[in-house]
Amino acid sequence: MSQALKEIGLKKSFKYILGLFQLTVLKIVLLPPNVRRMLLNLYGADVGIETLIHPITFINIYRRGFKGLACGRYCFVGEECLLDLADGIELGDNVTLAPRVTILTHINVGYKHHPLQEYFPASSSPVEIGSGSFVGANSTILPGVKIGENALVASGSLVKENVREWTVVGGVPARLIREIERVKK
């Protein structure tokens, strides 16, 4: 029996195989984004109306399954994003994830006998992105991060700490660039 099968067990292995089938269907390039949204809801995700999800990659679906994904209404998830469903991912309404955004919800350095496990034990934490926020292309959001409403994460950023609402952050690691001045209408 393989090391992976020993560590995750038979039940999770079956969930993994089912997930591979579901992912294969989702990866069909010709699927319109609204059909991809409907399929995700059918698989157990909670994806709001008018949310567009382009071809993306999910990992660790054998853990929480698609029920670990909640997207509000009018969201946009760009091509080649990577979403880790080891723990929950919640996007508020009107959230934009530009292409190639990575959202990680867990850390695991390897099998249980890996020499670094003692120093970096496996853990997971959900990620929340508040309504009206924008995450720029090629950004990475680490486990446990909460991004406040109407925040902007600059392209190429590594977000390892919470982001306050109405702020712009950027860099590696992401740091406050400025607060967003609210315009009254």
Protein backbone atom coordinates (compact mmCIF):
# COMPACT_ATOMS: atom_id res chain seq x y z
CA MET A 1 0.00 0.00 0.00
CA SER A 2 1.37 3.45 -0.88
CA GLN A 3 2.37 5.94 1.81
CA ALA A 4 -0.31 8.40 0.63
CA LEU A 5 -3.07 5.79 0.87
CA LYS A 6 -1.91 4.80 4.36
CA GLU A 7 -2.00 8.40 5.56
CA ILE A 8 -5.29 9.58 4.05
CA GLY A 9 -7.26 6.32 4.25
CA LEU A 10 -9.69 4.58 1.95
CA LYS A 11 -12.62 7.00 2.38
CA LYS A 12 -10.54 10.04 1.45
CA SER A 13 -9.03 8.09 -1.44
CA PHE A 14 -12.51 7.53 -2.88
CA LYS A 15 -13.30 11.22 -2.34
CA TYR A 16 -10.08 12.00 -4.19
CA ILE A 17 -11.06 9.83 -7.18
CA LEU A 18 -14.56 11.37 -7.28
CA GLY A 19 -12.94 14.81 -7.10
CA LEU A 20 -10.68 13.99 -10.04
CA PHE A 21 -13.75 13.15 -12.11
CA GLN A 22 -15.46 16.38 -11.05
CA LEU A 23 -12.33 18.39 -11.83
CA THR A 24 -12.10 16.80 -15.27
CA VAL A 25 -15.61 18.01 -16.07
CA LEU A 26 -14.85 21.50 -14.71
CA LYS A 27 -11.67 21.76 -16.79
CA ILE A 28 -13.49 21.47 -20.11
CA VAL A 29 -12.29 24.64 -21.80
CA LEU A 30 -15.47 25.18 -23.79
CA LEU A 31 -17.67 25.30 -20.69
CA PRO A 32 -19.08 28.80 -20.29
CA PRO A 33 -18.19 30.32 -16.88
CA ASN A 34 -21.87 30.35 -15.81
CA VAL A 35 -22.13 26.59 -16.48
CA ARG A 36 -18.97 26.06 -14.40
CA ARG A 37 -20.72 28.00 -11.59
CA MET A 38 -23.78 25.76 -11.82
CA LEU A 39 -21.62 22.61 -11.75
CA LEU A 40 -19.77 23.85 -8.66
CA ASN A 41 -23.09 24.42 -6.91
CA LEU A 42 -24.16 20.91 -7.92
CA TYR A 43 -20.90 19.56 -6.45
CA GLY A 44 -21.63 21.27 -3.10
CA ALA A 45 -20.03 24.72 -3.39
CA ASP A 46 -22.07 27.86 -2.65
CA VAL A 47 -21.51 30.13 -5.64
CA GLY A 48 -23.71 33.21 -6.05
CA ILE A 49 -25.57 34.44 -9.11
CA GLU A 50 -23.69 36.14 -11.93
CA THR A 51 -20.35 34.86 -10.60
CA LEU A 52 -17.99 33.97 -13.44
CA ILE A 53 -15.44 31.23 -12.88
CA HIS A 54 -12.95 30.60 -15.64
CA PRO A 55 -10.91 27.38 -15.91
CA ILE A 56 -9.08 27.09 -12.58
CA THR A 57 -7.37 24.43 -10.48
CA PHE A 58 -8.60 23.03 -7.18
CA ILE A 59 -6.35 21.04 -4.86
CA ASN A 60 -7.12 18.99 -1.75
CA ILE A 61 -10.78 18.54 -2.64
CA TYR A 62 -10.73 15.19 -0.86
CA ARG A 63 -10.60 17.07 2.47
CA ARG A 64 -13.48 19.56 2.64
CA GLY A 65 -14.81 18.91 -0.83
CA PHE A 66 -16.39 21.64 -2.87
CA LYS A 67 -18.56 22.56 0.12
CA GLY A 68 -15.45 24.37 1.38
CA LEU A 69 -15.94 27.03 -1.32
CA ALA A 70 -18.34 29.94 -0.84
CA CYS A 71 -18.44 32.76 -3.40
CA GLY A 72 -20.81 35.67 -3.19
CA ARG A 73 -22.70 37.25 -6.05
CA TYR A 74 -21.05 38.98 -9.02
CA CYS A 75 -17.57 37.59 -8.37
CA PHE A 76 -14.95 37.02 -11.06
CA VAL A 77 -12.37 34.25 -10.76
CA GLY A 78 -9.77 34.52 -13.52
CA GLU A 79 -8.05 31.81 -15.48
CA GLU A 80 -5.44 29.56 -13.89
CA CYS A 81 -6.28 30.48 -10.29
CA LEU A 82 -5.39 27.77 -7.77
CA LEU A 83 -7.75 27.23 -4.82
CA ASP A 84 -6.75 24.92 -1.96
CA LEU A 85 -9.85 23.31 -0.42
CA ALA A 86 -8.05 21.72 2.55
CA ASP A 87 -10.01 24.34 4.54
CA GLY A 88 -12.67 26.88 3.67
CA ILE A 89 -12.40 29.71 1.15
CA GLU A 90 -15.00 32.45 1.35
CA LEU A 91 -15.32 35.28 -1.16
CA GLY A 92 -17.82 38.06 -0.46
CA ASP A 93 -19.91 39.75 -3.16
CA ASN A 94 -18.14 41.50 -6.06
CA VAL A 95 -14.73 39.95 -5.38
CA THR A 96 -12.27 39.77 -8.27
CA LEU A 97 -9.45 37.26 -8.40
CA ALA A 98 -7.27 38.15 -11.39
CA PRO A 99 -5.57 35.34 -13.36
CA ARG A 100 -3.14 33.03 -11.57
CA VAL A 101 -4.10 33.97 -8.00
CA THR A 102 -3.20 31.23 -5.51
CA ILE A 103 -5.19 30.81 -2.29
CA LEU A 104 -3.65 28.32 0.14
CA THR A 105 -5.48 27.06 3.22
CA HIS A 106 -2.95 24.57 4.57
CA ILE A 107 0.71 23.83 5.09
CA ASN A 108 2.19 20.34 5.05
CA VAL A 109 5.88 19.70 4.43
CA GLY A 110 5.35 16.05 3.52
CA TYR A 111 4.52 12.62 4.86
CA LYS A 112 4.31 12.04 8.63
CA HIS A 113 7.91 10.77 8.76
CA HIS A 114 9.34 13.85 6.97
CA PRO A 115 12.17 15.32 9.10
CA LEU A 116 10.63 18.81 9.09
CA GLN A 117 7.20 17.69 10.40
CA GLU A 118 8.43 18.15 13.98
CA TYR A 119 9.28 21.80 13.27
CA PHE A 120 6.48 22.62 10.83
CA PRO A 121 3.47 20.47 11.74
CA ALA A 122 0.63 20.21 9.25
CA SER A 123 -2.08 22.82 9.81
CA SER A 124 -4.96 24.45 7.99
CA SER A 125 -6.93 27.68 8.34
CA PRO A 126 -9.70 29.22 6.22
CA VAL A 127 -9.22 32.26 4.00
CA GLU A 128 -11.79 35.07 3.75
CA ILE A 129 -11.86 37.82 1.15
CA GLY A 130 -14.32 40.62 1.88
CA SER A 131 -16.89 42.03 -0.52
CA GLY A 132 -15.65 44.44 -3.16
CA SER A 133 -12.02 43.34 -2.92
CA PHE A 134 -9.58 42.83 -5.79
CA VAL A 135 -6.61 40.44 -5.77
CA GLY A 136 -4.12 41.13 -8.56
CA ALA A 137 -2.61 38.59 -10.93
CA ASN A 138 -0.01 36.15 -9.63
CA SER A 139 -0.69 36.97 -5.97
CA THR A 140 -0.57 34.33 -3.25
CA ILE A 141 -2.81 34.38 -0.18
CA LEU A 142 -1.56 32.21 2.71
CA PRO A 143 -3.65 30.16 5.18
CA GLY A 144 -5.73 32.04 7.76
CA VAL A 145 -5.61 35.42 5.99
CA LYS A 146 -8.65 37.71 6.11
CA ILE A 147 -8.82 40.47 3.53
CA GLY A 148 -11.21 43.26 4.49
CA GLU A 149 -13.93 44.72 2.30
CA ASN A 150 -12.95 46.88 -0.67
CA ALA A 151 -9.24 46.14 -0.29
CA LEU A 152 -6.86 45.90 -3.23
CA VAL A 153 -3.94 43.46 -3.33
CA ALA A 154 -1.37 44.50 -5.95
CA SER A 155 -0.27 41.96 -8.56
CA GLY A 156 2.52 39.61 -7.54
CA SER A 157 1.98 40.04 -3.80
CA LEU A 158 2.46 37.48 -1.04
CA VAL A 159 -0.22 38.08 1.60
CA LYS A 160 0.66 36.44 4.90
CA GLU A 161 -1.18 38.77 7.29
CA ASN A 162 -4.69 40.17 7.44
CA VAL A 163 -5.50 43.16 5.23
CA ARG A 164 -7.67 45.99 6.56
CA GLU A 165 -10.70 47.15 4.59
CA TRP A 166 -10.29 50.06 2.15
CA THR A 167 -6.52 49.64 1.84
CA VAL A 168 -4.02 48.88 -0.92
CA VAL A 169 -1.29 46.37 -0.11
CA GLY A 170 1.51 44.99 -2.23
CA GLY A 171 4.91 43.36 -2.27
CA VAL A 172 6.61 40.26 -0.92
CA PRO A 173 5.55 40.13 1.81
CA ALA A 174 2.59 42.45 1.23
CA ARG A 175 2.74 45.73 3.12
CA LEU A 176 0.37 48.68 3.37
CA ILE A 177 0.81 51.01 0.41
CA ARG A 178 -2.02 53.41 1.16
CA GLU A 179 -5.56 53.76 2.39
CA ILE A 180 -8.26 54.17 -0.26
CA GLU A 181 -9.92 57.55 -0.14
CA ARG A 182 -13.66 57.04 -0.32
CA VAL A 183 -15.43 59.29 -2.77
CA LYS A 184 -18.89 60.43 -1.76
CA LYS A 185 -21.46 60.33 -4.53
